[in-house]
């Protein structure tokens, strides 16, 4: 009998360097609303802005923070009829592991 395991890539964050990005992204109520919507379906920034009744620049700031923290990712890029690039965002289902850094002597 052969036993196999499905390996899931894990993003490892070293304390304290990487954690502020994650903490800052998760501390905003708007970021949590964005994550909730993206868990349900992939959406562009303009679709999210319409869904949340927000200005696009307010939403973009939060999308950038979530993407930098690794909580969302760009799944595809499509083009508008005016030739503009449109990113389609999705919830990143990659687990995140926080590890304390060893003390330096």
Protein backbone atom coordinates (compact mmCIF):
# COMPACT_ATOMS: atom_id res chain seq x y z
CA UNK A 1 0.00 0.00 0.00
CA UNK A 2 1.38 3.35 -1.04
CA UNK A 3 0.79 6.30 1.25
CA UNK A 4 0.95 9.74 -0.27
CA UNK A 5 0.44 13.14 1.25
CA UNK A 6 -0.86 16.25 -0.41
CA UNK A 7 1.61 18.93 0.48
CA UNK A 8 0.27 22.43 0.92
CA UNK A 9 2.77 25.26 0.53
CA UNK A 10 2.92 27.35 3.69
CA UNK A 11 3.99 30.97 3.84
CA UNK A 12 6.33 31.29 6.82
CA UNK A 13 6.59 34.72 8.42
CA UNK A 14 9.49 35.52 10.68
CA UNK A 15 8.67 37.65 13.71
CA UNK A 16 8.99 40.65 13.82
CA UNK A 17 10.00 41.55 10.23
CA UNK A 18 7.08 40.19 8.21
CA UNK A 19 4.25 40.32 10.72
CA UNK A 20 3.52 44.09 10.62
CA UNK A 21 2.30 43.76 7.01
CA UNK A 22 -0.09 41.00 7.99
CA UNK A 23 -1.25 42.72 11.19
CA UNK A 24 -1.81 46.03 9.41
CA UNK A 25 -3.85 44.35 6.66
CA UNK A 26 -5.99 42.34 9.10
CA UNK A 27 -6.60 45.24 11.49
CA UNK A 28 -8.76 47.16 9.01
CA UNK A 29 -12.50 46.38 8.93
CA UNK A 30 -12.55 47.15 5.20
CA UNK A 31 -9.83 44.58 4.56
CA UNK A 32 -11.91 41.96 6.34
CA UNK A 33 -14.92 42.85 4.14
CA UNK A 34 -12.75 42.52 1.03
CA UNK A 35 -11.52 39.10 2.17
CA UNK A 36 -15.09 37.98 2.82
CA UNK A 37 -16.16 38.93 -0.70
CA UNK A 38 -13.10 37.37 -2.34
CA UNK A 39 -13.67 34.09 -0.49
CA UNK A 40 -17.02 33.87 -2.26
CA UNK A 41 -15.80 34.73 -5.78
CA UNK A 42 -13.00 36.32 -7.77
CA UNK A 43 -13.56 40.00 -8.50
CA UNK A 44 -11.87 43.00 -10.08
CA UNK A 45 -11.24 46.17 -8.10
CA UNK A 46 -14.13 47.96 -9.80
CA UNK A 47 -16.50 45.06 -9.04
CA UNK A 48 -15.42 45.11 -5.40
CA UNK A 49 -15.79 48.89 -5.23
CA UNK A 50 -19.34 48.66 -6.56
CA UNK A 51 -20.19 45.78 -4.22
CA UNK A 52 -18.84 47.64 -1.16
CA UNK A 53 -20.01 51.09 -2.29
CA UNK A 54 -16.49 52.56 -2.13
CA UNK A 55 -14.32 54.82 -4.21
CA UNK A 56 -11.80 52.89 -6.26
CA UNK A 57 -8.74 54.62 -4.76
CA UNK A 58 -9.85 53.73 -1.19
CA UNK A 59 -10.33 50.13 -2.21
CA UNK A 60 -7.03 50.00 -4.14
CA UNK A 61 -5.07 51.00 -1.03
CA UNK A 62 -6.55 48.07 0.90
CA UNK A 63 -6.14 45.64 -2.01
CA UNK A 64 -2.45 46.54 -2.23
CA UNK A 65 -1.98 45.93 1.51
CA UNK A 66 -3.75 42.56 1.35
CA UNK A 67 -1.75 41.50 -1.69
CA UNK A 68 1.54 42.54 -0.10
CA UNK A 69 0.64 40.53 3.02
CA UNK A 70 -0.08 37.47 0.86
CA UNK A 71 -3.77 37.29 1.78
CA UNK A 72 -5.05 37.83 -1.76
CA UNK A 73 -3.52 37.30 -5.19
CA UNK A 74 -4.11 38.36 -8.78
CA UNK A 75 -5.64 35.36 -10.52
CA UNK A 76 -5.97 36.73 -14.02
CA UNK A 77 -5.56 39.93 -15.95
CA UNK A 78 -8.10 40.95 -18.54
CA UNK A 79 -8.41 43.99 -20.77
CA UNK A 80 -11.20 46.55 -20.85
CA UNK A 81 -12.76 47.73 -24.10
CA UNK A 82 -10.63 50.89 -23.66
CA UNK A 83 -7.44 48.79 -23.52
CA UNK A 84 -6.86 49.10 -19.77
CA UNK A 85 -5.46 46.24 -17.74
CA UNK A 86 -7.95 44.84 -15.21
CA UNK A 87 -6.66 42.61 -12.41
CA UNK A 88 -9.01 39.95 -11.09
CA UNK A 89 -8.33 39.23 -7.41
CA UNK A 90 -8.91 36.04 -5.45
CA UNK A 91 -8.58 34.93 -1.86
CA UNK A 92 -5.23 33.26 -1.25
CA UNK A 93 -5.91 29.95 0.42
CA UNK A 94 -2.29 29.50 1.37
CA UNK A 95 -1.84 28.90 5.12
CA UNK A 96 0.41 31.32 7.00
CA UNK A 97 2.67 30.14 9.79
CA UNK A 98 4.15 32.61 12.28
CA UNK A 99 7.49 31.61 13.78
CA UNK A 100 9.34 33.52 16.47
CA UNK A 101 12.86 34.43 15.52
CA UNK A 102 15.69 32.95 17.55
CA UNK A 103 17.42 35.41 19.87
CA UNK A 104 20.84 36.59 18.82
CA UNK A 105 23.54 36.44 21.49
